[in-house]
Amino acid sequence: IEYIQPGKPQQNAYIERHNKTIRYSWVSKLLFDSIEDVQDYATQWLWFYNHERPHKANHGRPPLMVA
């Protein structure tokens, strides 16, 4: 990973988009009791995001069904 200048998130837009998706999808909506709870939820969410979530660009199919 190349150096990203402070205050320049557009230099790493892919990661910034991913962080925004996670932040608005569940981090800002849920309270967790421990880091293990966060890790478990993140694992479940990531599986759903890649295996079950319909995607408009794929005509309603999940991303991994197209790959």
PDB file of N, CA and C in Angstrom:
ATOM      1  N   ILE A   1       0.856  -1.176   0.000  1.00  0.00           N
ATOM      2  CA  ILE A   1       0.000   0.000   0.000  1.00  0.00           C
ATOM      3  C   ILE A   1       0.895   1.229   0.000  1.00  0.00           C
ATOM      4  N   GLU A   2       0.596   2.123  -0.877  1.00  0.00           N
ATOM      5  CA  GLU A   2       1.375   3.350  -0.946  1.00  0.00           C
ATOM      6  C   GLU A   2       0.940   4.314   0.149  1.00  0.00           C
ATOM      7  N   TYR A   3       1.830   5.244   0.445  1.00  0.00           N
ATOM      8  CA  TYR A   3       1.549   6.256   1.459  1.00  0.00           C
ATOM      9  C   TYR A   3       0.377   7.129   1.031  1.00  0.00           C
ATOM     10  N   ILE A   4      -0.523   7.381   1.949  1.00  0.00           N
ATOM     11  CA  ILE A   4      -1.668   8.249   1.698  1.00  0.00           C
ATOM     12  C   ILE A   4      -1.491   9.502   2.545  1.00  0.00           C
ATOM     13  N   GLN A   5      -1.555  10.639   1.926  1.00  0.00           N
ATOM     14  CA  GLN A   5      -1.361  11.898   2.637  1.00  0.00           C
ATOM     15  C   GLN A   5      -2.483  12.125   3.640  1.00  0.00           C
ATOM     16  N   PRO A   6      -2.153  12.651   4.827  1.00  0.00           N
ATOM     17  CA  PRO A   6      -3.200  12.969   5.813  1.00  0.00           C
ATOM     18  C   PRO A   6      -4.229  13.935   5.218  1.00  0.00           C
ATOM     19  N   GLY A   7      -5.501  13.658   5.475  1.00  0.00           N
ATOM     20  CA  GLY A   7      -6.571  14.524   4.979  1.00  0.00           C
ATOM     21  C   GLY A   7      -6.906  14.320   3.518  1.00  0.00           C
ATOM     22  N   LYS A   8      -6.411  13.256   2.909  1.00  0.00           N
ATOM     23  CA  LYS A   8      -6.665  12.980   1.496  1.00  0.00           C
ATOM     24  C   LYS A   8      -7.263  11.577   1.317  1.00  0.00           C
ATOM     25  N   PRO A   9      -8.464  11.330   1.851  1.00  0.00           N
ATOM     26  CA  PRO A   9      -9.044   9.988   1.746  1.00  0.00           C
ATOM     27  C   PRO A   9      -9.324   9.569   0.304  1.00  0.00           C
ATOM     28  N   GLN A  10      -9.461  10.527  -0.613  1.00  0.00           N
ATOM     29  CA  GLN A  10      -9.724  10.180  -2.005  1.00  0.00           C
ATOM     30  C   GLN A  10      -8.554   9.435  -2.641  1.00  0.00           C
ATOM     31  N   GLN A  11      -7.385   9.462  -1.999  1.00  0.00           N
ATOM     32  CA  GLN A  11      -6.237   8.726  -2.521  1.00  0.00           C
ATOM     33  C   GLN A  11      -6.390   7.220  -2.284  1.00  0.00           C
ATOM     34  N   ASN A  12      -7.331   6.841  -1.451  1.00  0.00           N
ATOM     35  CA  ASN A  12      -7.606   5.431  -1.200  1.00  0.00           C
ATOM     36  C   ASN A  12      -9.121   5.233  -1.211  1.00  0.00           C
ATOM     37  N   ALA A  13      -9.738   5.569  -2.322  1.00  0.00           N
ATOM     38  CA  ALA A  13     -11.195   5.597  -2.417  1.00  0.00           C
ATOM     39  C   ALA A  13     -11.837   4.230  -2.203  1.00  0.00           C
ATOM     40  N   TYR A  14     -11.199   3.158  -2.631  1.00  0.00           N
ATOM     41  CA  TYR A  14     -11.773   1.817  -2.476  1.00  0.00           C
ATOM     42  C   TYR A  14     -11.997   1.501  -1.001  1.00  0.00           C
ATOM     43  N   ILE A  15     -10.988   1.726  -0.172  1.00  0.00           N
ATOM     44  CA  ILE A  15     -11.101   1.437   1.258  1.00  0.00           C
ATOM     45  C   ILE A  15     -12.073   2.408   1.921  1.00  0.00           C
ATOM     46  N   GLU A  16     -12.048   3.660   1.519  1.00  0.00           N
ATOM     47  CA  GLU A  16     -12.978   4.629   2.093  1.00  0.00           C
ATOM     48  C   GLU A  16     -14.417   4.245   1.788  1.00  0.00           C
ATOM     49  N   ARG A  17     -14.695   3.749   0.608  1.00  0.00           N
ATOM     50  CA  ARG A  17     -16.051   3.315   0.246  1.00  0.00           C
ATOM     51  C   ARG A  17     -16.453   2.111   1.083  1.00  0.00           C
ATOM     52  N   HIS A  18     -15.541   1.174   1.267  1.00  0.00           N
ATOM     53  CA  HIS A  18     -15.811  -0.001   2.100  1.00  0.00           C
ATOM     54  C   HIS A  18     -16.109   0.422   3.542  1.00  0.00           C
ATOM     55  N   ASN A  19     -15.297   1.318   4.082  1.00  0.00           N
ATOM     56  CA  ASN A  19     -15.509   1.787   5.451  1.00  0.00           C
ATOM     57  C   ASN A  19     -16.860   2.471   5.598  1.00  0.00           C
ATOM     58  N   LYS A  20     -17.245   3.266   4.602  1.00  0.00           N
ATOM     59  CA  LYS A  20     -18.540   3.949   4.651  1.00  0.00           C
ATOM     60  C   LYS A  20     -19.684   2.935   4.630  1.00  0.00           C
ATOM     61  N   THR A  21     -19.561   1.918   3.783  1.00  0.00           N
ATOM     62  CA  THR A  21     -20.597   0.888   3.704  1.00  0.00           C
ATOM     63  C   THR A  21     -20.791   0.208   5.052  1.00  0.00           C
ATOM     64  N   ILE A  22     -19.704  -0.183   5.680  1.00  0.00           N
ATOM     65  CA  ILE A  22     -19.792  -0.844   6.982  1.00  0.00           C
ATOM     66  C   ILE A  22     -20.340   0.107   8.038  1.00  0.00           C
ATOM     67  N   ARG A  23     -19.834   1.322   8.051  1.00  0.00           N
ATOM     68  CA  ARG A  23     -20.261   2.293   9.063  1.00  0.00           C
ATOM     69  C   ARG A  23     -21.763   2.548   8.996  1.00  0.00           C
ATOM     70  N   TYR A  24     -22.290   2.754   7.793  1.00  0.00           N
ATOM     71  CA  TYR A  24     -23.717   3.049   7.669  1.00  0.00           C
ATOM     72  C   TYR A  24     -24.592   1.805   7.712  1.00  0.00           C
ATOM     73  N   SER A  25     -24.041   0.646   7.386  1.00  0.00           N
ATOM     74  CA  SER A  25     -24.840  -0.576   7.390  1.00  0.00           C
ATOM     75  C   SER A  25     -25.096  -1.111   8.784  1.00  0.00           C
ATOM     76  N   TRP A  26     -24.076  -1.053   9.672  1.00  0.00           N
ATOM     77  CA  TRP A  26     -24.322  -1.659  10.982  1.00  0.00           C
ATOM     78  C   TRP A  26     -23.573  -1.043  12.138  1.00  0.00           C
ATOM     79  N   VAL A  27     -22.418  -0.481  11.955  1.00  0.00           N
ATOM     80  CA  VAL A  27     -21.658   0.046  13.096  1.00  0.00           C
ATOM     81  C   VAL A  27     -22.410   1.193  13.775  1.00  0.00           C
ATOM     82  N   SER A  28     -23.010   2.071  13.002  1.00  0.00           N
ATOM     83  CA  SER A  28     -23.705   3.212  13.598  1.00  0.00           C
ATOM     84  C   SER A  28     -25.089   2.853  14.134  1.00  0.00           C
ATOM     85  N   LYS A  29     -25.566   1.628  13.892  1.00  0.00           N
ATOM     86  CA  LYS A  29     -26.906   1.232  14.310  1.00  0.00           C
ATOM     87  C   LYS A  29     -26.937   0.281  15.499  1.00  0.00           C
ATOM     88  N   LEU A  30     -25.798  -0.343  15.820  1.00  0.00           N
ATOM     89  CA  LEU A  30     -25.780  -1.386  16.840  1.00  0.00           C
ATOM     90  C   LEU A  30     -24.787  -1.067  17.953  1.00  0.00           C
ATOM     91  N   LEU A  31     -25.073  -1.583  19.126  1.00  0.00           N
ATOM     92  CA  LEU A  31     -24.140  -1.502  20.249  1.00  0.00           C
ATOM     93  C   LEU A  31     -23.623  -2.906  20.535  1.00  0.00           C
ATOM     94  N   PHE A  32     -22.335  -3.016  20.761  1.00  0.00           N
ATOM     95  CA  PHE A  32     -21.720  -4.311  21.014  1.00  0.00           C
ATOM     96  C   PHE A  32     -21.144  -4.344  22.418  1.00  0.00           C
ATOM     97  N   ASP A  33     -21.149  -5.526  23.037  1.00  0.00           N
ATOM     98  CA  ASP A  33     -20.633  -5.688  24.388  1.00  0.00           C
ATOM     99  C   ASP A  33     -19.142  -5.989  24.420  1.00  0.00           C
ATOM    100  N   SER A  34     -18.623  -6.576  23.335  1.00  0.00           N
ATOM    101  CA  SER A  34     -17.209  -6.935  23.322  1.00  0.00           C
ATOM    102  C   SER A  34     -16.694  -6.931  21.889  1.00  0.00           C
ATOM    103  N   ILE A  35     -15.385  -6.970  21.761  1.00  0.00           N
ATOM    104  CA  ILE A  35     -14.781  -7.020  20.428  1.00  0.00           C
ATOM    105  C   ILE A  35     -15.119  -8.336  19.734  1.00  0.00           C
ATOM    106  N   GLU A  36     -15.317  -9.395  20.505  1.00  0.00           N
ATOM    107  CA  GLU A  36     -15.698 -10.676  19.913  1.00  0.00           C
ATOM    108  C   GLU A  36     -17.074 -10.579  19.259  1.00  0.00           C
ATOM    109  N   ASP A  37     -17.984  -9.848  19.886  1.00  0.00           N
ATOM    110  CA  ASP A  37     -19.311  -9.641  19.292  1.00  0.00           C
ATOM    111  C   ASP A  37     -19.197  -8.898  17.962  1.00  0.00           C
ATOM    112  N   VAL A  38     -18.327  -7.917  17.914  1.00  0.00           N
ATOM    113  CA  VAL A  38     -18.120  -7.166  16.676  1.00  0.00           C
ATOM    114  C   VAL A  38     -17.542  -8.078  15.605  1.00  0.00           C
ATOM    115  N   GLN A  39     -16.563  -8.894  15.969  1.00  0.00           N
ATOM    116  CA  GLN A  39     -15.949  -9.798  15.004  1.00  0.00           C
ATOM    117  C   GLN A  39     -16.946 -10.830  14.486  1.00  0.00           C
ATOM    118  N   ASP A  40     -17.766 -11.380  15.356  1.00  0.00           N
ATOM    119  CA  ASP A  40     -18.785 -12.348  14.933  1.00  0.00           C
ATOM    120  C   ASP A  40     -19.789 -11.710  13.986  1.00  0.00           C
ATOM    121  N   TYR A  41     -20.260 -10.517  14.344  1.00  0.00           N
ATOM    122  CA  TYR A  41     -21.225  -9.827  13.501  1.00  0.00           C
ATOM    123  C   TYR A  41     -20.598  -9.471  12.158  1.00  0.00           C
ATOM    124  N   ALA A  42     -19.348  -9.032  12.181  1.00  0.00           N
ATOM    125  CA  ALA A  42     -18.667  -8.672  10.937  1.00  0.00           C
ATOM    126  C   ALA A  42     -18.529  -9.877  10.020  1.00  0.00           C
ATOM    127  N   THR A  43     -18.226 -11.032  10.576  1.00  0.00           N
ATOM    128  CA  THR A  43     -18.100 -12.251   9.783  1.00  0.00           C
ATOM    129  C   THR A  43     -19.435 -12.623   9.146  1.00  0.00           C
ATOM    130  N   GLN A  44     -20.502 -12.561   9.922  1.00  0.00           N
ATOM    131  CA  GLN A  44     -21.832 -12.872   9.393  1.00  0.00           C
ATOM    132  C   GLN A  44     -22.240 -11.872   8.315  1.00  0.00           C
ATOM    133  N   TRP A  45     -21.972 -10.600   8.564  1.00  0.00           N
ATOM    134  CA  TRP A  45     -22.344  -9.552   7.618  1.00  0.00           C
ATOM    135  C   TRP A  45     -21.576  -9.718   6.314  1.00  0.00           C
ATOM    136  N   LEU A  46     -20.289 -10.030   6.406  1.00  0.00           N
ATOM    137  CA  LEU A  46     -19.471 -10.189   5.209  1.00  0.00           C
ATOM    138  C   LEU A  46     -19.950 -11.379   4.376  1.00  0.00           C
ATOM    139  N   TRP A  47     -20.323 -12.474   5.039  1.00  0.00           N
ATOM    140  CA  TRP A  47     -20.841 -13.623   4.310  1.00  0.00           C
ATOM    141  C   TRP A  47     -22.130 -13.255   3.581  1.00  0.00           C
ATOM    142  N   PHE A  48     -23.040 -12.584   4.287  1.00  0.00           N
ATOM    143  CA  PHE A  48     -24.289 -12.141   3.658  1.00  0.00           C
ATOM    144  C   PHE A  48     -23.999 -11.203   2.492  1.00  0.00           C
ATOM    145  N   TYR A  49     -23.099 -10.253   2.688  1.00  0.00           N
ATOM    146  CA  TYR A  49     -22.773  -9.247   1.671  1.00  0.00           C
ATOM    147  C   TYR A  49     -22.270  -9.900   0.387  1.00  0.00           C
ATOM    148  N   ASN A  50     -21.502 -10.972   0.508  1.00  0.00           N
ATOM    149  CA  ASN A  50     -20.932 -11.618  -0.671  1.00  0.00           C
ATOM    150  C   ASN A  50     -21.763 -12.764  -1.231  1.00  0.00           C
ATOM    151  N   HIS A  51     -22.593 -13.409  -0.414  1.00  0.00           N
ATOM    152  CA  HIS A  51     -23.293 -14.609  -0.855  1.00  0.00           C
ATOM    153  C   HIS A  51     -24.801 -14.445  -1.060  1.00  0.00           C
ATOM    154  N   GLU A  52     -25.443 -13.543  -0.375  1.00  0.00           N
ATOM    155  CA  GLU A  52     -26.905 -13.460  -0.438  1.00  0.00           C
ATOM    156  C   GLU A  52     -27.445 -12.117  -0.917  1.00  0.00           C
ATOM    157  N   ARG A  53     -26.712 -11.053  -0.695  1.00  0.00           N
ATOM    158  CA  ARG A  53     -27.196  -9.704  -0.994  1.00  0.00           C
ATOM    159  C   ARG A  53     -27.403  -9.525  -2.494  1.00  0.00           C
ATOM    160  N   PRO A  54     -28.612  -9.161  -2.916  1.00  0.00           N
ATOM    161  CA  PRO A  54     -28.823  -8.902  -4.342  1.00  0.00           C
ATOM    162  C   PRO A  54     -28.098  -7.621  -4.766  1.00  0.00           C
ATOM    163  N   HIS A  55     -27.560  -7.638  -5.970  1.00  0.00           N
ATOM    164  CA  HIS A  55     -26.808  -6.498  -6.470  1.00  0.00           C
ATOM    165  C   HIS A  55     -27.412  -6.068  -7.800  1.00  0.00           C
ATOM    166  N   LYS A  56     -27.725  -4.789  -7.921  1.00  0.00           N
ATOM    167  CA  LYS A  56     -28.403  -4.292  -9.123  1.00  0.00           C
ATOM    168  C   LYS A  56     -27.593  -4.540 -10.391  1.00  0.00           C
ATOM    169  N   ALA A  57     -26.280  -4.338 -10.328  1.00  0.00           N
ATOM    170  CA  ALA A  57     -25.448  -4.507 -11.515  1.00  0.00           C
ATOM    171  C   ALA A  57     -25.402  -5.956 -11.994  1.00  0.00           C
ATOM    172  N   ASN A  58     -25.723  -6.890 -11.113  1.00  0.00           N
ATOM    173  CA  ASN A  58     -25.715  -8.320 -11.463  1.00  0.00           C
ATOM    174  C   ASN A  58     -27.121  -8.845 -11.715  1.00  0.00           C
ATOM    175  N   HIS A  59     -28.047  -7.960 -11.994  1.00  0.00           N
ATOM    176  CA  HIS A  59     -29.444  -8.317 -12.243  1.00  0.00           C
ATOM    177  C   HIS A  59     -30.056  -9.052 -11.056  1.00  0.00           C
ATOM    178  N   GLY A  60     -29.749  -8.588  -9.848  1.00  0.00           N
ATOM    179  CA  GLY A  60     -30.345  -9.135  -8.642  1.00  0.00           C
ATOM    180  C   GLY A  60     -29.643 -10.344  -8.070  1.00  0.00           C
ATOM    181  N   ARG A  61     -28.504 -10.727  -8.649  1.00  0.00           N
ATOM    182  CA  ARG A  61     -27.767 -11.886  -8.126  1.00  0.00           C
ATOM    183  C   ARG A  61     -26.655 -11.429  -7.201  1.00  0.00           C
ATOM    184  N   PRO A  62     -26.307 -12.245  -6.204  1.00  0.00           N
ATOM    185  CA  PRO A  62     -25.211 -11.904  -5.294  1.00  0.00           C
ATOM    186  C   PRO A  62     -23.871 -11.865  -6.034  1.00  0.00           C
ATOM    187  N   PRO A  63     -22.915 -11.088  -5.542  1.00  0.00           N
ATOM    188  CA  PRO A  63     -21.634 -10.939  -6.221  1.00  0.00           C
ATOM    189  C   PRO A  63     -20.904 -12.250  -6.498  1.00  0.00           C
ATOM    190  N   LEU A  64     -20.880 -13.176  -5.541  1.00  0.00           N
ATOM    191  CA  LEU A  64     -20.109 -14.409  -5.764  1.00  0.00           C
ATOM    192  C   LEU A  64     -20.787 -15.388  -6.716  1.00  0.00           C
ATOM    193  N   MET A  65     -22.073 -15.201  -6.984  1.00  0.00           N
ATOM    194  CA  MET A  65     -22.736 -16.052  -7.975  1.00  0.00           C
ATOM    195  C   MET A  65     -22.311 -15.654  -9.381  1.00  0.00           C
ATOM    196  N   VAL A  66     -21.899 -14.425  -9.545  1.00  0.00           N
ATOM    197  CA  VAL A  66     -21.501 -13.921 -10.851  1.00  0.00           C
ATOM    198  C   VAL A  66     -20.037 -14.244 -11.136  1.00  0.00           C
ATOM    199  N   ALA A  67     -19.225 -14.256 -10.094  1.00  0.00           N
ATOM    200  CA  ALA A  67     -17.776 -14.471 -10.255  1.00  0.00           C
ATOM    201  C   ALA A  67     -17.441 -15.834 -10.772  1.00  0.00           C
TER     202      ALA A  67
END
